[in-house]
Amino acid sequence: MKESMNELQKRVLSIIDILKKTYPGATTALLHKSPLQLLVATILSAQCTDERVNKVTPALFKKYLTAKAFAETSQEELENDIRSTGFFRNKAKSIRNCCKVLHEQYNGKVPDSMELLVKLPGIGRKTANVVLGNAFGQPAITVDTHVKRLSQRLKFTGQSNPDKIEFDLQKIIPEKDWLLVSESLILHGRNICHARKPNCVECPINKLCPSSTALK
């Protein structure tokens, strides 16, 4: 029998309680000291592990202190600086173009609204939500590959488009918990609910997951 919206919301709240206890204070693993650093780190994290990004960014952020510095460096030099993160040509282009707009239109500062962030070159809702939630403390749901996978397995959504998944999650998760839940799901996806072989037996929310094999 199909789950009603009321039943889904009750199940979601139970899952949130467990996630809060399992991953207290969940936040992005990307090291940063400013919104600009987080924006750049998030661009670098595409198709790359946070661990790898965190090995590259300390020297990168020491070399480039401002959006102007990123914008004015050469494509070739920035490519060499971020080469180990993969897809370095596209990432260097995105960082330079984005920082050029930040320098010319925003006095080098990262805007703190979704509307303005997604207008920046190469910035979509996922990156914008990472920055809004973790740099500015605003309610935000980041839909990365982990959140997408877990949202589908938990039957929170039937969508496959990340933006549509985000909007579905907004309807069933209290706004105050948006950031914590999405960051917790990311950690849970890395630690337990793996893509190929989820560890349902050790999953703390297996009794509330329609896809769990632990109880079958």
C-alpha atoms as a PDB file:
ATOM      1  CA  MET A   1       0.000   0.000   0.000  1.00  0.00           C
ATOM      2  CA  LYS A   2       1.320   3.417  -0.953  1.00  0.00           C
ATOM      3  CA  GLU A   3       2.611   5.550   1.914  1.00  0.00           C
ATOM      4  CA  SER A   4       0.583   8.700   2.560  1.00  0.00           C
ATOM      5  CA  MET A   5       2.284  12.094   2.891  1.00  0.00           C
ATOM      6  CA  ASN A   6       1.454  12.110   6.609  1.00  0.00           C
ATOM      7  CA  GLU A   7       3.010   8.663   7.081  1.00  0.00           C
ATOM      8  CA  LEU A   8       6.059   9.695   5.059  1.00  0.00           C
ATOM      9  CA  GLN A   9       6.587  12.821   7.146  1.00  0.00           C
ATOM     10  CA  LYS A  10       6.351  10.808  10.379  1.00  0.00           C
ATOM     11  CA  ARG A  11       8.896   8.310   9.060  1.00  0.00           C
ATOM     12  CA  VAL A  12      11.181  11.149   7.974  1.00  0.00           C
ATOM     13  CA  LEU A  13      11.098  12.679  11.466  1.00  0.00           C
ATOM     14  CA  SER A  14      12.056   9.323  12.995  1.00  0.00           C
ATOM     15  CA  ILE A  15      14.935   8.999  10.547  1.00  0.00           C
ATOM     16  CA  ILE A  16      16.088  12.556  11.317  1.00  0.00           C
ATOM     17  CA  ASP A  17      16.208  11.752  15.062  1.00  0.00           C
ATOM     18  CA  ILE A  18      18.502   8.790  14.374  1.00  0.00           C
ATOM     19  CA  LEU A  19      20.701  10.729  11.935  1.00  0.00           C
ATOM     20  CA  LYS A  20      21.165  13.510  14.505  1.00  0.00           C
ATOM     21  CA  LYS A  21      22.402  10.992  17.069  1.00  0.00           C
ATOM     22  CA  THR A  22      24.556   9.121  14.555  1.00  0.00           C
ATOM     23  CA  TYR A  23      26.150  12.166  12.913  1.00  0.00           C
ATOM     24  CA  PRO A  24      25.982  15.026  15.447  1.00  0.00           C
ATOM     25  CA  GLY A  25      27.093  18.356  14.030  1.00  0.00           C
ATOM     26  CA  ALA A  26      27.390  16.985  10.494  1.00  0.00           C
ATOM     27  CA  THR A  27      28.946  19.520   8.149  1.00  0.00           C
ATOM     28  CA  THR A  28      30.894  19.640   4.917  1.00  0.00           C
ATOM     29  CA  ALA A  29      34.257  17.873   4.930  1.00  0.00           C
ATOM     30  CA  LEU A  30      35.715  20.523   2.628  1.00  0.00           C
ATOM     31  CA  LEU A  31      38.253  22.631   4.522  1.00  0.00           C
ATOM     32  CA  HIS A  32      37.680  26.374   4.202  1.00  0.00           C
ATOM     33  CA  LYS A  33      37.961  29.646   6.070  1.00  0.00           C
ATOM     34  CA  SER A  34      35.712  31.828   3.930  1.00  0.00           C
ATOM     35  CA  PRO A  35      32.765  31.636   1.520  1.00  0.00           C
ATOM     36  CA  LEU A  36      35.168  32.134  -1.409  1.00  0.00           C
ATOM     37  CA  GLN A  37      37.348  29.224  -0.314  1.00  0.00           C
ATOM     38  CA  LEU A  38      34.309  26.979   0.087  1.00  0.00           C
ATOM     39  CA  LEU A  39      32.992  28.006  -3.328  1.00  0.00           C
ATOM     40  CA  VAL A  40      36.311  27.125  -4.976  1.00  0.00           C
ATOM     41  CA  ALA A  41      36.649  23.887  -3.002  1.00  0.00           C
ATOM     42  CA  THR A  42      33.145  22.821  -4.009  1.00  0.00           C
ATOM     43  CA  ILE A  43      33.928  23.422  -7.686  1.00  0.00           C
ATOM     44  CA  LEU A  44      37.047  21.268  -7.258  1.00  0.00           C
ATOM     45  CA  SER A  45      35.058  18.495  -5.546  1.00  0.00           C
ATOM     46  CA  ALA A  46      33.140  17.573  -8.706  1.00  0.00           C
ATOM     47  CA  GLN A  47      34.087  13.989  -9.656  1.00  0.00           C
ATOM     48  CA  CYS A  48      36.718  14.090  -6.911  1.00  0.00           C
ATOM     49  CA  THR A  49      36.892  13.082  -3.253  1.00  0.00           C
ATOM     50  CA  ASP A  50      36.825  15.715  -0.524  1.00  0.00           C
ATOM     51  CA  GLU A  51      40.010  14.150   0.828  1.00  0.00           C
ATOM     52  CA  ARG A  52      41.843  14.855  -2.428  1.00  0.00           C
ATOM     53  CA  VAL A  53      40.473  18.405  -2.586  1.00  0.00           C
ATOM     54  CA  ASN A  54      41.652  19.043   0.981  1.00  0.00           C
ATOM     55  CA  LYS A  55      45.188  18.054  -0.027  1.00  0.00           C
ATOM     56  CA  VAL A  56      45.191  20.630  -2.815  1.00  0.00           C
ATOM     57  CA  THR A  57      43.443  23.628  -1.254  1.00  0.00           C
ATOM     58  CA  PRO A  58      45.851  24.623   1.558  1.00  0.00           C
ATOM     59  CA  ALA A  59      48.580  25.603  -0.927  1.00  0.00           C
ATOM     60  CA  LEU A  60      45.969  26.923  -3.378  1.00  0.00           C
ATOM     61  CA  PHE A  61      44.370  29.249  -0.845  1.00  0.00           C
ATOM     62  CA  LYS A  62      47.762  30.437   0.344  1.00  0.00           C
ATOM     63  CA  LYS A  63      48.653  31.364  -3.238  1.00  0.00           C
ATOM     64  CA  TYR A  64      45.311  32.913  -4.221  1.00  0.00           C
ATOM     65  CA  LEU A  65      43.958  35.113  -1.444  1.00  0.00           C
ATOM     66  CA  THR A  66      41.143  36.855  -3.317  1.00  0.00           C
ATOM     67  CA  ALA A  67      38.672  36.399  -6.151  1.00  0.00           C
ATOM     68  CA  LYS A  68      40.772  38.903  -8.109  1.00  0.00           C
ATOM     69  CA  ALA A  69      43.842  36.688  -7.739  1.00  0.00           C
ATOM     70  CA  PHE A  70      41.978  33.656  -9.090  1.00  0.00           C
ATOM     71  CA  ALA A  71      40.507  35.708 -11.940  1.00  0.00           C
ATOM     72  CA  GLU A  72      43.823  37.191 -13.030  1.00  0.00           C
ATOM     73  CA  THR A  73      45.943  34.042 -12.988  1.00  0.00           C
ATOM     74  CA  SER A  74      46.493  32.273 -16.287  1.00  0.00           C
ATOM     75  CA  GLN A  75      44.421  29.274 -17.276  1.00  0.00           C
ATOM     76  CA  GLU A  76      47.579  27.173 -17.582  1.00  0.00           C
ATOM     77  CA  GLU A  77      48.903  28.089 -14.148  1.00  0.00           C
ATOM     78  CA  LEU A  78      45.636  27.357 -12.376  1.00  0.00           C
ATOM     79  CA  GLU A  79      45.297  24.072 -14.263  1.00  0.00           C
ATOM     80  CA  ASN A  80      48.689  23.013 -12.935  1.00  0.00           C
ATOM     81  CA  ASP A  81      47.736  24.018  -9.394  1.00  0.00           C
ATOM     82  CA  ILE A  82      44.582  21.867  -9.370  1.00  0.00           C
ATOM     83  CA  ARG A  83      45.611  19.107 -11.786  1.00  0.00           C
ATOM     84  CA  SER A  84      45.321  16.256  -9.251  1.00  0.00           C
ATOM     85  CA  THR A  85      41.589  16.938  -8.687  1.00  0.00           C
ATOM     86  CA  GLY A  86      40.766  15.763 -12.213  1.00  0.00           C
ATOM     87  CA  PHE A  87      38.871  17.581 -14.976  1.00  0.00           C
ATOM     88  CA  PHE A  88      41.298  20.396 -14.211  1.00  0.00           C
ATOM     89  CA  ARG A  89      40.762  22.320 -17.466  1.00  0.00           C
ATOM     90  CA  ASN A  90      37.039  22.765 -16.952  1.00  0.00           C
ATOM     91  CA  LYS A  91      37.472  23.409 -13.231  1.00  0.00           C
ATOM     92  CA  ALA A  92      40.137  26.068 -13.809  1.00  0.00           C
ATOM     93  CA  LYS A  93      37.921  27.742 -16.393  1.00  0.00           C
ATOM     94  CA  SER A  94      34.924  27.703 -14.034  1.00  0.00           C
ATOM     95  CA  ILE A  95      36.935  29.110 -11.122  1.00  0.00           C
ATOM     96  CA  ARG A  96      38.482  31.892 -13.210  1.00  0.00           C
ATOM     97  CA  ASN A  97      35.194  32.890 -14.850  1.00  0.00           C
ATOM     98  CA  CYS A  98      33.294  32.774 -11.583  1.00  0.00           C
ATOM     99  CA  CYS A  99      35.920  34.805  -9.723  1.00  0.00           C
ATOM    100  CA  LYS A 100      36.056  37.342 -12.546  1.00  0.00           C
ATOM    101  CA  VAL A 101      32.353  38.069 -11.995  1.00  0.00           C
ATOM    102  CA  LEU A 102      32.828  38.139  -8.213  1.00  0.00           C
ATOM    103  CA  HIS A 103      35.648  40.669  -8.583  1.00  0.00           C
ATOM    104  CA  GLU A 104      33.923  42.867 -11.139  1.00  0.00           C
ATOM    105  CA  GLN A 105      30.342  42.785  -9.844  1.00  0.00           C
ATOM    106  CA  TYR A 106      30.487  41.863  -6.164  1.00  0.00           C
ATOM    107  CA  ASN A 107      33.688  43.514  -4.923  1.00  0.00           C
ATOM    108  CA  GLY A 108      35.250  40.080  -4.565  1.00  0.00           C
ATOM    109  CA  LYS A 109      32.588  38.868  -2.143  1.00  0.00           C
ATOM    110  CA  VAL A 110      30.475  35.733  -2.579  1.00  0.00           C
ATOM    111  CA  PRO A 111      26.750  36.615  -2.624  1.00  0.00           C
ATOM    112  CA  ASP A 112      24.591  34.979   0.030  1.00  0.00           C
ATOM    113  CA  SER A 113      21.462  34.224  -1.978  1.00  0.00           C
ATOM    114  CA  MET A 114      20.494  31.334  -4.230  1.00  0.00           C
ATOM    115  CA  GLU A 115      19.241  33.730  -6.888  1.00  0.00           C
ATOM    116  CA  LEU A 116      22.617  35.450  -7.238  1.00  0.00           C
ATOM    117  CA  LEU A 117      24.815  32.385  -6.731  1.00  0.00           C
ATOM    118  CA  VAL A 118      23.271  30.389  -9.589  1.00  0.00           C
ATOM    119  CA  LYS A 119      23.861  33.344 -11.922  1.00  0.00           C
ATOM    120  CA  LEU A 120      27.615  32.939 -11.427  1.00  0.00           C
ATOM    121  CA  PRO A 121      29.387  31.051 -14.255  1.00  0.00           C
ATOM    122  CA  GLY A 122      29.511  27.319 -13.588  1.00  0.00           C
ATOM    123  CA  ILE A 123      27.501  27.448 -10.356  1.00  0.00           C
ATOM    124  CA  GLY A 124      24.390  25.269 -10.009  1.00  0.00           C
ATOM    125  CA  ARG A 125      22.025  24.689  -7.107  1.00  0.00           C
ATOM    126  CA  LYS A 126      24.186  21.952  -5.579  1.00  0.00           C
ATOM    127  CA  THR A 127      27.250  24.194  -5.208  1.00  0.00           C
ATOM    128  CA  ALA A 128      25.077  27.126  -4.163  1.00  0.00           C
ATOM    129  CA  ASN A 129      23.468  25.062  -1.393  1.00  0.00           C
ATOM    130  CA  VAL A 130      26.856  23.912  -0.080  1.00  0.00           C
ATOM    131  CA  VAL A 131      27.929  27.550   0.224  1.00  0.00           C
ATOM    132  CA  LEU A 132      24.630  28.869   1.594  1.00  0.00           C
ATOM    133  CA  GLY A 133      24.412  26.163   4.239  1.00  0.00           C
ATOM    134  CA  ASN A 134      28.009  25.827   5.368  1.00  0.00           C
ATOM    135  CA  ALA A 135      29.399  29.331   4.804  1.00  0.00           C
ATOM    136  CA  PHE A 136      26.327  31.462   5.542  1.00  0.00           C
ATOM    137  CA  GLY A 137      24.340  29.219   7.895  1.00  0.00           C
ATOM    138  CA  GLN A 138      21.200  29.311   5.778  1.00  0.00           C
ATOM    139  CA  PRO A 139      18.713  26.444   5.356  1.00  0.00           C
ATOM    140  CA  ALA A 140      20.000  24.440   2.399  1.00  0.00           C
ATOM    141  CA  ILE A 141      19.750  20.926   1.005  1.00  0.00           C
ATOM    142  CA  THR A 142      22.734  19.710  -0.980  1.00  0.00           C
ATOM    143  CA  VAL A 143      21.831  16.950  -3.430  1.00  0.00           C
ATOM    144  CA  ASP A 144      25.059  15.176  -4.382  1.00  0.00           C
ATOM    145  CA  THR A 145      25.354  11.574  -5.590  1.00  0.00           C
ATOM    146  CA  HIS A 146      24.990  10.229  -2.036  1.00  0.00           C
ATOM    147  CA  VAL A 147      21.886  12.275  -1.195  1.00  0.00           C
ATOM    148  CA  LYS A 148      20.355  11.357  -4.537  1.00  0.00           C
ATOM    149  CA  ARG A 149      20.962   7.626  -3.980  1.00  0.00           C
ATOM    150  CA  LEU A 150      19.754   7.578  -0.382  1.00  0.00           C
ATOM    151  CA  SER A 151      16.694   9.721  -1.069  1.00  0.00           C
ATOM    152  CA  GLN A 152      15.635   7.194  -3.695  1.00  0.00           C
ATOM    153  CA  ARG A 153      16.362   4.163  -1.512  1.00  0.00           C
ATOM    154  CA  LEU A 154      14.498   5.692   1.418  1.00  0.00           C
ATOM    155  CA  LYS A 155      11.572   6.463  -0.931  1.00  0.00           C
ATOM    156  CA  PHE A 156      11.735  10.156  -0.134  1.00  0.00           C
ATOM    157  CA  THR A 157      11.426  10.878  -3.850  1.00  0.00           C
ATOM    158  CA  GLY A 158      10.741   9.207  -7.150  1.00  0.00           C
ATOM    159  CA  GLN A 159      12.739  11.804  -9.050  1.00  0.00           C
ATOM    160  CA  SER A 160      16.198  11.429 -10.596  1.00  0.00           C
ATOM    161  CA  ASN A 161      16.895  15.101 -11.334  1.00  0.00           C
ATOM    162  CA  PRO A 162      18.874  16.614  -8.415  1.00  0.00           C
ATOM    163  CA  ASP A 163      16.915  19.876  -8.423  1.00  0.00           C
ATOM    164  CA  LYS A 164      13.588  18.037  -8.319  1.00  0.00           C
ATOM    165  CA  ILE A 165      14.905  15.812  -5.524  1.00  0.00           C
ATOM    166  CA  GLU A 166      15.870  18.929  -3.580  1.00  0.00           C
ATOM    167  CA  PHE A 167      12.342  20.329  -3.911  1.00  0.00           C
ATOM    168  CA  ASP A 168      10.817  16.988  -2.817  1.00  0.00           C
ATOM    169  CA  LEU A 169      13.050  16.905   0.254  1.00  0.00           C
ATOM    170  CA  GLN A 170      12.095  20.475   1.141  1.00  0.00           C
ATOM    171  CA  LYS A 171       8.469  19.347   1.408  1.00  0.00           C
ATOM    172  CA  ILE A 172       9.098  16.563   3.928  1.00  0.00           C
ATOM    173  CA  ILE A 173      12.070  17.790   5.987  1.00  0.00           C
ATOM    174  CA  PRO A 174      11.654  20.668   8.470  1.00  0.00           C
ATOM    175  CA  GLU A 175      13.574  23.696   7.214  1.00  0.00           C
ATOM    176  CA  LYS A 176      15.687  23.880  10.370  1.00  0.00           C
ATOM    177  CA  ASP A 177      17.013  20.395   9.600  1.00  0.00           C
ATOM    178  CA  TRP A 178      17.738  20.822   5.885  1.00  0.00           C
ATOM    179  CA  LEU A 179      21.491  21.254   6.208  1.00  0.00           C
ATOM    180  CA  LEU A 180      21.998  18.646   8.910  1.00  0.00           C
ATOM    181  CA  VAL A 181      19.966  16.019   7.078  1.00  0.00           C
ATOM    182  CA  SER A 182      21.690  16.494   3.727  1.00  0.00           C
ATOM    183  CA  GLU A 183      25.152  16.499   5.302  1.00  0.00           C
ATOM    184  CA  SER A 184      24.210  13.445   7.416  1.00  0.00           C
ATOM    185  CA  LEU A 185      22.975  11.586   4.346  1.00  0.00           C
ATOM    186  CA  ILE A 186      26.282  12.336   2.621  1.00  0.00           C
ATOM    187  CA  LEU A 187      28.186  10.828   5.553  1.00  0.00           C
ATOM    188  CA  HIS A 188      25.780   7.896   5.715  1.00  0.00           C
ATOM    189  CA  GLY A 189      26.242   7.256   2.010  1.00  0.00           C
ATOM    190  CA  ARG A 190      30.010   7.176   2.447  1.00  0.00           C
ATOM    191  CA  ASN A 191      30.027   5.059   5.585  1.00  0.00           C
ATOM    192  CA  ILE A 192      27.077   2.658   5.317  1.00  0.00           C
ATOM    193  CA  CYS A 193      24.751   2.999   2.339  1.00  0.00           C
ATOM    194  CA  HIS A 194      27.310   2.395  -0.389  1.00  0.00           C
ATOM    195  CA  ALA A 195      26.329   2.540  -4.039  1.00  0.00           C
ATOM    196  CA  ARG A 196      27.099  -1.062  -4.969  1.00  0.00           C
ATOM    197  CA  LYS A 197      26.653  -2.904  -1.696  1.00  0.00           C
ATOM    198  CA  PRO A 198      24.838  -1.069   1.109  1.00  0.00           C
ATOM    199  CA  ASN A 199      25.626  -2.342   4.593  1.00  0.00           C
ATOM    200  CA  CYS A 200      21.986  -2.746   5.627  1.00  0.00           C
ATOM    201  CA  VAL A 201      22.807  -5.008   8.602  1.00  0.00           C
ATOM    202  CA  GLU A 202      24.732  -2.242  10.399  1.00  0.00           C
ATOM    203  CA  CYS A 203      22.520   0.607   9.229  1.00  0.00           C
ATOM    204  CA  PRO A 204      20.890   2.455  12.159  1.00  0.00           C
ATOM    205  CA  ILE A 205      17.852   3.378  10.064  1.00  0.00           C
ATOM    206  CA  ASN A 206      17.301  -0.035   8.426  1.00  0.00           C
ATOM    207  CA  LYS A 207      13.921  -0.532  10.133  1.00  0.00           C
ATOM    208  CA  LEU A 208      12.697   2.692   8.544  1.00  0.00           C
ATOM    209  CA  CYS A 209      14.120   2.048   5.072  1.00  0.00           C
ATOM    210  CA  PRO A 210      11.835   0.401   2.469  1.00  0.00           C
ATOM    211  CA  SER A 211      14.904  -0.779   0.531  1.00  0.00           C
ATOM    212  CA  SER A 212      16.701  -2.431   3.453  1.00  0.00           C
ATOM    213  CA  THR A 213      17.643  -6.088   3.058  1.00  0.00           C
ATOM    214  CA  ALA A 214      18.535  -6.484   6.732  1.00  0.00           C
ATOM    215  CA  LEU A 215      15.043  -7.460   7.792  1.00  0.00           C
ATOM    216  CA  LYS A 216      14.181  -9.653   4.789  1.00  0.00           C
END
